Amino acid sequence: MKTREAVAERIIELCKERGITVNALAYISAVPSSTVKNIIYGVSKNPGVVTIKMLCDGLEISLEEFFASPLFENLSQEIE
C-alpha cells in the first residue's frame, strides 16, 4: 500500500467511526469537499500536510492520532 492510499483509507475509517460522511468532514474541517474526494479517489497524488491537519482539526484529533494506525505500518517505498 502506498502512503496516499493509506491516507485515503484512514479518512474513510475515521468518518465511519464517527458516523459522518466525507462531505460532513469537509464542512467541519473547512476543506473543499472536492479536495477530500480527490484524496479518497486517488486524484490527489500528494495530499498536503496542511490539508491533513485541517481534517484532523475538524475531527478533533492530532496528526499523531491520525497516523497512529496500522495502515501506516509497512508502507511501500514511494521512490522506485
PDB file of N, CA and C in Angstrom:
ATOM      1  N   MET A   1       0.849  -1.186   0.000  1.00  0.00           N
ATOM      2  CA  MET A   1       0.000   0.000   0.000  1.00  0.00           C
ATOM      3  C   MET A   1       0.887   1.239   0.000  1.00  0.00           C
ATOM      4  N   LYS A   2       0.498   2.218  -0.783  1.00  0.00           N
ATOM      5  CA  LYS A   2       1.196   3.497  -0.852  1.00  0.00           C
ATOM      6  C   LYS A   2       0.648   4.437   0.218  1.00  0.00           C
ATOM      7  N   THR A   3       1.420   5.453   0.522  1.00  0.00           N
ATOM      8  CA  THR A   3       1.034   6.415   1.555  1.00  0.00           C
ATOM      9  C   THR A   3      -0.290   7.087   1.223  1.00  0.00           C
ATOM     10  N   ARG A   4      -0.459   7.515  -0.030  1.00  0.00           N
ATOM     11  CA  ARG A   4      -1.715   8.211  -0.386  1.00  0.00           C
ATOM     12  C   ARG A   4      -2.927   7.303  -0.213  1.00  0.00           C
ATOM     13  N   GLU A   5      -2.751   6.008  -0.485  1.00  0.00           N
ATOM     14  CA  GLU A   5      -3.849   5.061  -0.287  1.00  0.00           C
ATOM     15  C   GLU A   5      -4.146   4.892   1.196  1.00  0.00           C
ATOM     16  N   ALA A   6      -3.107   4.866   2.010  1.00  0.00           N
ATOM     17  CA  ALA A   6      -3.291   4.739   3.460  1.00  0.00           C
ATOM     18  C   ALA A   6      -4.001   5.968   4.018  1.00  0.00           C
ATOM     19  N   VAL A   7      -3.636   7.154   3.518  1.00  0.00           N
ATOM     20  CA  VAL A   7      -4.297   8.392   3.961  1.00  0.00           C
ATOM     21  C   VAL A   7      -5.779   8.338   3.605  1.00  0.00           C
ATOM     22  N   ALA A   8      -6.091   7.932   2.394  1.00  0.00           N
ATOM     23  CA  ALA A   8      -7.488   7.840   1.959  1.00  0.00           C
ATOM     24  C   ALA A   8      -8.261   6.848   2.823  1.00  0.00           C
ATOM     25  N   GLU A   9      -7.679   5.686   3.061  1.00  0.00           N
ATOM     26  CA  GLU A   9      -8.339   4.671   3.902  1.00  0.00           C
ATOM     27  C   GLU A   9      -8.553   5.186   5.319  1.00  0.00           C
ATOM     28  N   ARG A  10      -7.565   5.914   5.835  1.00  0.00           N
ATOM     29  CA  ARG A  10      -7.681   6.438   7.211  1.00  0.00           C
ATOM     30  C   ARG A  10      -8.806   7.457   7.303  1.00  0.00           C
ATOM     31  N   ILE A  11      -8.941   8.306   6.298  1.00  0.00           N
ATOM     32  CA  ILE A  11     -10.031   9.291   6.295  1.00  0.00           C
ATOM     33  C   ILE A  11     -11.380   8.578   6.302  1.00  0.00           C
ATOM     34  N   ILE A  12     -11.523   7.587   5.445  1.00  0.00           N
ATOM     35  CA  ILE A  12     -12.772   6.817   5.385  1.00  0.00           C
ATOM     36  C   ILE A  12     -13.037   6.133   6.722  1.00  0.00           C
ATOM     37  N   GLU A  13     -12.004   5.528   7.288  1.00  0.00           N
ATOM     38  CA  GLU A  13     -12.122   4.845   8.573  1.00  0.00           C
ATOM     39  C   GLU A  13     -12.591   5.792   9.678  1.00  0.00           C
ATOM     40  N   LEU A  14     -11.998   6.978   9.739  1.00  0.00           N
ATOM     41  CA  LEU A  14     -12.359   7.951  10.775  1.00  0.00           C
ATOM     42  C   LEU A  14     -13.787   8.462  10.579  1.00  0.00           C
ATOM     43  N   CYS A  15     -14.202   8.646   9.338  1.00  0.00           N
ATOM     44  CA  CYS A  15     -15.586   9.063   9.076  1.00  0.00           C
ATOM     45  C   CYS A  15     -16.562   7.991   9.539  1.00  0.00           C
ATOM     46  N   LYS A  16     -16.258   6.727   9.239  1.00  0.00           N
ATOM     47  CA  LYS A  16     -17.127   5.631   9.666  1.00  0.00           C
ATOM     48  C   LYS A  16     -17.215   5.548  11.184  1.00  0.00           C
ATOM     49  N   GLU A  17     -16.065   5.692  11.858  1.00  0.00           N
ATOM     50  CA  GLU A  17     -16.042   5.648  13.322  1.00  0.00           C
ATOM     51  C   GLU A  17     -16.935   6.710  13.935  1.00  0.00           C
ATOM     52  N   ARG A  18     -16.996   7.865  13.291  1.00  0.00           N
ATOM     53  CA  ARG A  18     -17.769   8.994  13.823  1.00  0.00           C
ATOM     54  C   ARG A  18     -19.170   9.083  13.241  1.00  0.00           C
ATOM     55  N   GLY A  19     -19.468   8.220  12.286  1.00  0.00           N
ATOM     56  CA  GLY A  19     -20.799   8.224  11.681  1.00  0.00           C
ATOM     57  C   GLY A  19     -21.077   9.466  10.870  1.00  0.00           C
ATOM     58  N   ILE A  20     -20.040   9.975  10.186  1.00  0.00           N
ATOM     59  CA  ILE A  20     -20.226  11.162   9.349  1.00  0.00           C
ATOM     60  C   ILE A  20     -19.836  10.834   7.910  1.00  0.00           C
ATOM     61  N   THR A  21     -20.333  11.641   6.999  1.00  0.00           N
ATOM     62  CA  THR A  21     -19.991  11.474   5.592  1.00  0.00           C
ATOM     63  C   THR A  21     -18.712  12.244   5.284  1.00  0.00           C
ATOM     64  N   VAL A  22     -18.162  11.959   4.138  1.00  0.00           N
ATOM     65  CA  VAL A  22     -16.982  12.693   3.679  1.00  0.00           C
ATOM     66  C   VAL A  22     -17.331  14.170   3.502  1.00  0.00           C
ATOM     67  N   ASN A  23     -18.536  14.445   2.991  1.00  0.00           N
ATOM     68  CA  ASN A  23     -18.962  15.843   2.840  1.00  0.00           C
ATOM     69  C   ASN A  23     -19.075  16.536   4.183  1.00  0.00           C
ATOM     70  N   ALA A  24     -19.563  15.833   5.194  1.00  0.00           N
ATOM     71  CA  ALA A  24     -19.651  16.424   6.531  1.00  0.00           C
ATOM     72  C   ALA A  24     -18.264  16.715   7.080  1.00  0.00           C
ATOM     73  N   LEU A  25     -17.326  15.796   6.856  1.00  0.00           N
ATOM     74  CA  LEU A  25     -15.957  16.033   7.293  1.00  0.00           C
ATOM     75  C   LEU A  25     -15.380  17.265   6.602  1.00  0.00           C
ATOM     76  N   ALA A  26     -15.600  17.377   5.311  1.00  0.00           N
ATOM     77  CA  ALA A  26     -15.115  18.544   4.569  1.00  0.00           C
ATOM     78  C   ALA A  26     -15.689  19.828   5.164  1.00  0.00           C
ATOM     79  N   TYR A  27     -16.964  19.822   5.461  1.00  0.00           N
ATOM     80  CA  TYR A  27     -17.633  21.004   6.011  1.00  0.00           C
ATOM     81  C   TYR A  27     -17.053  21.401   7.362  1.00  0.00           C
ATOM     82  N   ILE A  28     -16.945  20.444   8.285  1.00  0.00           N
ATOM     83  CA  ILE A  28     -16.464  20.786   9.639  1.00  0.00           C
ATOM     84  C   ILE A  28     -14.970  21.101   9.653  1.00  0.00           C
ATOM     85  N   SER A  29     -14.273  20.710   8.598  1.00  0.00           N
ATOM     86  CA  SER A  29     -12.836  20.953   8.516  1.00  0.00           C
ATOM     87  C   SER A  29     -12.495  22.192   7.682  1.00  0.00           C
ATOM     88  N   ALA A  30     -13.480  22.777   7.041  1.00  0.00           N
ATOM     89  CA  ALA A  30     -13.287  23.923   6.149  1.00  0.00           C
ATOM     90  C   ALA A  30     -12.347  23.576   4.992  1.00  0.00           C
ATOM     91  N   VAL A  31     -12.473  22.350   4.507  1.00  0.00           N
ATOM     92  CA  VAL A  31     -11.714  21.883   3.353  1.00  0.00           C
ATOM     93  C   VAL A  31     -12.739  21.631   2.252  1.00  0.00           C
ATOM     94  N   PRO A  32     -12.494  22.118   1.042  1.00  0.00           N
ATOM     95  CA  PRO A  32     -13.457  21.865  -0.029  1.00  0.00           C
ATOM     96  C   PRO A  32     -13.733  20.364  -0.183  1.00  0.00           C
ATOM     97  N   SER A  33     -15.000  20.019  -0.351  1.00  0.00           N
ATOM     98  CA  SER A  33     -15.346  18.603  -0.484  1.00  0.00           C
ATOM     99  C   SER A  33     -14.649  17.983  -1.686  1.00  0.00           C
ATOM    100  N   SER A  34     -14.413  18.769  -2.723  1.00  0.00           N
ATOM    101  CA  SER A  34     -13.707  18.242  -3.893  1.00  0.00           C
ATOM    102  C   SER A  34     -12.278  17.834  -3.531  1.00  0.00           C
ATOM    103  N   THR A  35     -11.658  18.556  -2.630  1.00  0.00           N
ATOM    104  CA  THR A  35     -10.295  18.223  -2.194  1.00  0.00           C
ATOM    105  C   THR A  35     -10.293  16.894  -1.451  1.00  0.00           C
ATOM    106  N   VAL A  36     -11.242  16.726  -0.538  1.00  0.00           N
ATOM    107  CA  VAL A  36     -11.316  15.484   0.236  1.00  0.00           C
ATOM    108  C   VAL A  36     -11.617  14.312  -0.693  1.00  0.00           C
ATOM    109  N   LYS A  37     -12.543  14.498  -1.606  1.00  0.00           N
ATOM    110  CA  LYS A  37     -12.885  13.432  -2.554  1.00  0.00           C
ATOM    111  C   LYS A  37     -11.710  13.111  -3.465  1.00  0.00           C
ATOM    112  N   ASN A  38     -10.954  14.122  -3.866  1.00  0.00           N
ATOM    113  CA  ASN A  38      -9.773  13.879  -4.696  1.00  0.00           C
ATOM    114  C   ASN A  38      -8.736  13.046  -3.951  1.00  0.00           C
ATOM    115  N   ILE A  39      -8.612  13.247  -2.653  1.00  0.00           N
ATOM    116  CA  ILE A  39      -7.703  12.430  -1.841  1.00  0.00           C
ATOM    117  C   ILE A  39      -8.209  10.997  -1.791  1.00  0.00           C
ATOM    118  N   ILE A  40      -9.484  10.835  -1.513  1.00  0.00           N
ATOM    119  CA  ILE A  40     -10.065   9.500  -1.359  1.00  0.00           C
ATOM    120  C   ILE A  40     -10.035   8.708  -2.665  1.00  0.00           C
ATOM    121  N   TYR A  41     -10.318   9.367  -3.781  1.00  0.00           N
ATOM    122  CA  TYR A  41     -10.389   8.657  -5.059  1.00  0.00           C
ATOM    123  C   TYR A  41      -9.053   8.599  -5.804  1.00  0.00           C
ATOM    124  N   GLY A  42      -7.992   9.087  -5.165  1.00  0.00           N
ATOM    125  CA  GLY A  42      -6.669   8.961  -5.750  1.00  0.00           C
ATOM    126  C   GLY A  42      -6.316   9.983  -6.808  1.00  0.00           C
ATOM    127  N   VAL A  43      -7.161  10.991  -6.986  1.00  0.00           N
ATOM    128  CA  VAL A  43      -6.858  12.050  -7.949  1.00  0.00           C
ATOM    129  C   VAL A  43      -5.685  12.881  -7.430  1.00  0.00           C
ATOM    130  N   SER A  44      -5.726  13.167  -6.133  1.00  0.00           N
ATOM    131  CA  SER A  44      -4.641  13.896  -5.485  1.00  0.00           C
ATOM    132  C   SER A  44      -3.552  12.892  -5.128  1.00  0.00           C
ATOM    133  N   LYS A  45      -2.419  13.015  -5.779  1.00  0.00           N
ATOM    134  CA  LYS A  45      -1.326  12.058  -5.567  1.00  0.00           C
ATOM    135  C   LYS A  45      -0.500  12.391  -4.337  1.00  0.00           C
ATOM    136  N   ASN A  46      -0.597  13.640  -3.856  1.00  0.00           N
ATOM    137  CA  ASN A  46       0.225  14.063  -2.739  1.00  0.00           C
ATOM    138  C   ASN A  46      -0.568  14.998  -1.830  1.00  0.00           C
ATOM    139  N   PRO A  47      -1.471  14.453  -1.010  1.00  0.00           N
ATOM    140  CA  PRO A  47      -2.234  15.328  -0.114  1.00  0.00           C
ATOM    141  C   PRO A  47      -1.302  16.021   0.867  1.00  0.00           C
ATOM    142  N   GLY A  48      -1.427  17.316   0.956  1.00  0.00           N
ATOM    143  CA  GLY A  48      -0.527  18.112   1.794  1.00  0.00           C
ATOM    144  C   GLY A  48      -0.801  17.940   3.276  1.00  0.00           C
ATOM    145  N   VAL A  49       0.242  18.152   4.045  1.00  0.00           N
ATOM    146  CA  VAL A  49       0.136  18.020   5.495  1.00  0.00           C
ATOM    147  C   VAL A  49      -0.808  19.078   6.069  1.00  0.00           C
ATOM    148  N   VAL A  50      -0.873  20.250   5.446  1.00  0.00           N
ATOM    149  CA  VAL A  50      -1.786  21.291   5.936  1.00  0.00           C
ATOM    150  C   VAL A  50      -3.230  20.827   5.764  1.00  0.00           C
ATOM    151  N   THR A  51      -3.538  20.212   4.641  1.00  0.00           N
ATOM    152  CA  THR A  51      -4.890  19.680   4.415  1.00  0.00           C
ATOM    153  C   THR A  51      -5.203  18.583   5.421  1.00  0.00           C
ATOM    154  N   ILE A  52      -4.271  17.672   5.624  1.00  0.00           N
ATOM    155  CA  ILE A  52      -4.493  16.596   6.596  1.00  0.00           C
ATOM    156  C   ILE A  52      -4.676  17.183   7.994  1.00  0.00           C
ATOM    157  N   LYS A  53      -3.903  18.215   8.332  1.00  0.00           N
ATOM    158  CA  LYS A  53      -4.034  18.864   9.644  1.00  0.00           C
ATOM    159  C   LYS A  53      -5.412  19.501   9.780  1.00  0.00           C
ATOM    160  N   MET A  54      -5.911  20.126   8.736  1.00  0.00           N
ATOM    161  CA  MET A  54      -7.250  20.728   8.789  1.00  0.00           C
ATOM    162  C   MET A  54      -8.318  19.653   8.997  1.00  0.00           C
ATOM    163  N   LEU A  55      -8.162  18.501   8.332  1.00  0.00           N
ATOM    164  CA  LEU A  55      -9.104  17.400   8.534  1.00  0.00           C
ATOM    165  C   LEU A  55      -9.029  16.902   9.981  1.00  0.00           C
ATOM    166  N   CYS A  56      -7.823  16.822  10.500  1.00  0.00           N
ATOM    167  CA  CYS A  56      -7.649  16.407  11.898  1.00  0.00           C
ATOM    168  C   CYS A  56      -8.320  17.401  12.842  1.00  0.00           C
ATOM    169  N   ASP A  57      -8.161  18.691  12.565  1.00  0.00           N
ATOM    170  CA  ASP A  57      -8.813  19.711  13.397  1.00  0.00           C
ATOM    171  C   ASP A  57     -10.325  19.528  13.385  1.00  0.00           C
ATOM    172  N   GLY A  58     -10.876  19.262  12.215  1.00  0.00           N
ATOM    173  CA  GLY A  58     -12.316  19.021  12.107  1.00  0.00           C
ATOM    174  C   GLY A  58     -12.748  17.789  12.878  1.00  0.00           C
ATOM    175  N   LEU A  59     -11.891  16.782  12.909  1.00  0.00           N
ATOM    176  CA  LEU A  59     -12.186  15.541  13.642  1.00  0.00           C
ATOM    177  C   LEU A  59     -11.817  15.634  15.123  1.00  0.00           C
ATOM    178  N   GLU A  60     -11.184  16.750  15.477  1.00  0.00           N
ATOM    179  CA  GLU A  60     -10.722  16.986  16.853  1.00  0.00           C
ATOM    180  C   GLU A  60      -9.729  15.911  17.301  1.00  0.00           C
ATOM    181  N   ILE A  61      -8.779  15.620  16.396  1.00  0.00           N
ATOM    182  CA  ILE A  61      -7.691  14.702  16.718  1.00  0.00           C
ATOM    183  C   ILE A  61      -6.377  15.363  16.302  1.00  0.00           C
ATOM    184  N   SER A  62      -5.287  14.834  16.801  1.00  0.00           N
ATOM    185  CA  SER A  62      -3.973  15.346  16.423  1.00  0.00           C
ATOM    186  C   SER A  62      -3.462  14.615  15.191  1.00  0.00           C
ATOM    187  N   LEU A  63      -2.440  15.185  14.584  1.00  0.00           N
ATOM    188  CA  LEU A  63      -1.787  14.492  13.472  1.00  0.00           C
ATOM    189  C   LEU A  63      -1.238  13.149  13.944  1.00  0.00           C
ATOM    190  N   GLU A  64      -0.717  13.133  15.152  1.00  0.00           N
ATOM    191  CA  GLU A  64      -0.188  11.890  15.715  1.00  0.00           C
ATOM    192  C   GLU A  64      -1.285  10.826  15.778  1.00  0.00           C
ATOM    193  N   GLU A  65      -2.485  11.218  16.207  1.00  0.00           N
ATOM    194  CA  GLU A  65      -3.595  10.265  16.273  1.00  0.00           C
ATOM    195  C   GLU A  65      -4.001   9.804  14.870  1.00  0.00           C
ATOM    196  N   PHE A  66      -3.949  10.717  13.909  1.00  0.00           N
ATOM    197  CA  PHE A  66      -4.303  10.355  12.538  1.00  0.00           C
ATOM    198  C   PHE A  66      -3.378   9.256  12.027  1.00  0.00           C
ATOM    199  N   PHE A  67      -2.085   9.445  12.249  1.00  0.00           N
ATOM    200  CA  PHE A  67      -1.107   8.490  11.713  1.00  0.00           C
ATOM    201  C   PHE A  67      -0.862   7.289  12.620  1.00  0.00           C
ATOM    202  N   ALA A  68      -1.478   7.272  13.796  1.00  0.00           N
ATOM    203  CA  ALA A  68      -1.335   6.124  14.709  1.00  0.00           C
ATOM    204  C   ALA A  68      -2.326   5.040  14.310  1.00  0.00           C
ATOM    205  N   SER A  69      -2.063   4.431  13.182  1.00  0.00           N
ATOM    206  CA  SER A  69      -2.941   3.404  12.629  1.00  0.00           C
ATOM    207  C   SER A  69      -2.079   2.344  11.963  1.00  0.00           C
ATOM    208  N   PRO A  70      -2.505   1.099  12.041  1.00  0.00           N
ATOM    209  CA  PRO A  70      -1.772   0.038  11.347  1.00  0.00           C
ATOM    210  C   PRO A  70      -1.655   0.276   9.835  1.00  0.00           C
ATOM    211  N   LEU A  71      -2.519   1.131   9.287  1.00  0.00           N
ATOM    212  CA  LEU A  71      -2.456   1.430   7.856  1.00  0.00           C
ATOM    213  C   LEU A  71      -1.107   2.019   7.455  1.00  0.00           C
ATOM    214  N   PHE A  72      -0.459   2.693   8.398  1.00  0.00           N
ATOM    215  CA  PHE A  72       0.790   3.378   8.083  1.00  0.00           C
ATOM    216  C   PHE A  72       2.026   2.544   8.420  1.00  0.00           C
ATOM    217  N   GLU A  73       1.811   1.311   8.855  1.00  0.00           N
ATOM    218  CA  GLU A  73       2.929   0.424   9.106  1.00  0.00           C
ATOM    219  C   GLU A  73       3.260  -0.315   7.811  1.00  0.00           C
ATOM    220  N   ASN A  74       4.522  -0.502   7.563  1.00  0.00           N
ATOM    221  CA  ASN A  74       4.991  -1.287   6.412  1.00  0.00           C
ATOM    222  C   ASN A  74       4.492  -0.756   5.062  1.00  0.00           C
ATOM    223  N   LEU A  75       4.511   0.556   4.894  1.00  0.00           N
ATOM    224  CA  LEU A  75       4.104   1.144   3.612  1.00  0.00           C
ATOM    225  C   LEU A  75       5.142   0.823   2.543  1.00  0.00           C
ATOM    226  N   SER A  76       4.683   0.749   1.314  1.00  0.00           N
ATOM    227  CA  SER A  76       5.582   0.547   0.184  1.00  0.00           C
ATOM    228  C   SER A  76       6.484   1.769   0.026  1.00  0.00           C
ATOM    229  N   GLN A  77       7.666   1.548  -0.491  1.00  0.00           N
ATOM    230  CA  GLN A  77       8.582   2.650  -0.746  1.00  0.00           C
ATOM    231  C   GLN A  77       7.997   3.546  -1.825  1.00  0.00           C
ATOM    232  N   GLU A  78       8.022   4.861  -1.597  1.00  0.00           N
ATOM    233  CA  GLU A  78       7.430   5.815  -2.553  1.00  0.00           C
ATOM    234  C   GLU A  78       8.331   6.031  -3.763  1.00  0.00           C
ATOM    235  N   ILE A  79       9.635   6.003  -3.565  1.00  0.00           N
ATOM    236  CA  ILE A  79      10.561   6.232  -4.662  1.00  0.00           C
ATOM    237  C   ILE A  79      11.027   4.880  -5.190  1.00  0.00           C
ATOM    238  N   GLU A  80      10.731   4.640  -6.427  1.00  0.00           N
ATOM    239  CA  GLU A  80      11.100   3.347  -7.020  1.00  0.00           C
ATOM    240  C   GLU A  80      11.946   3.553  -8.258  1.00  0.00           C
TER     241      GLU A  80
END
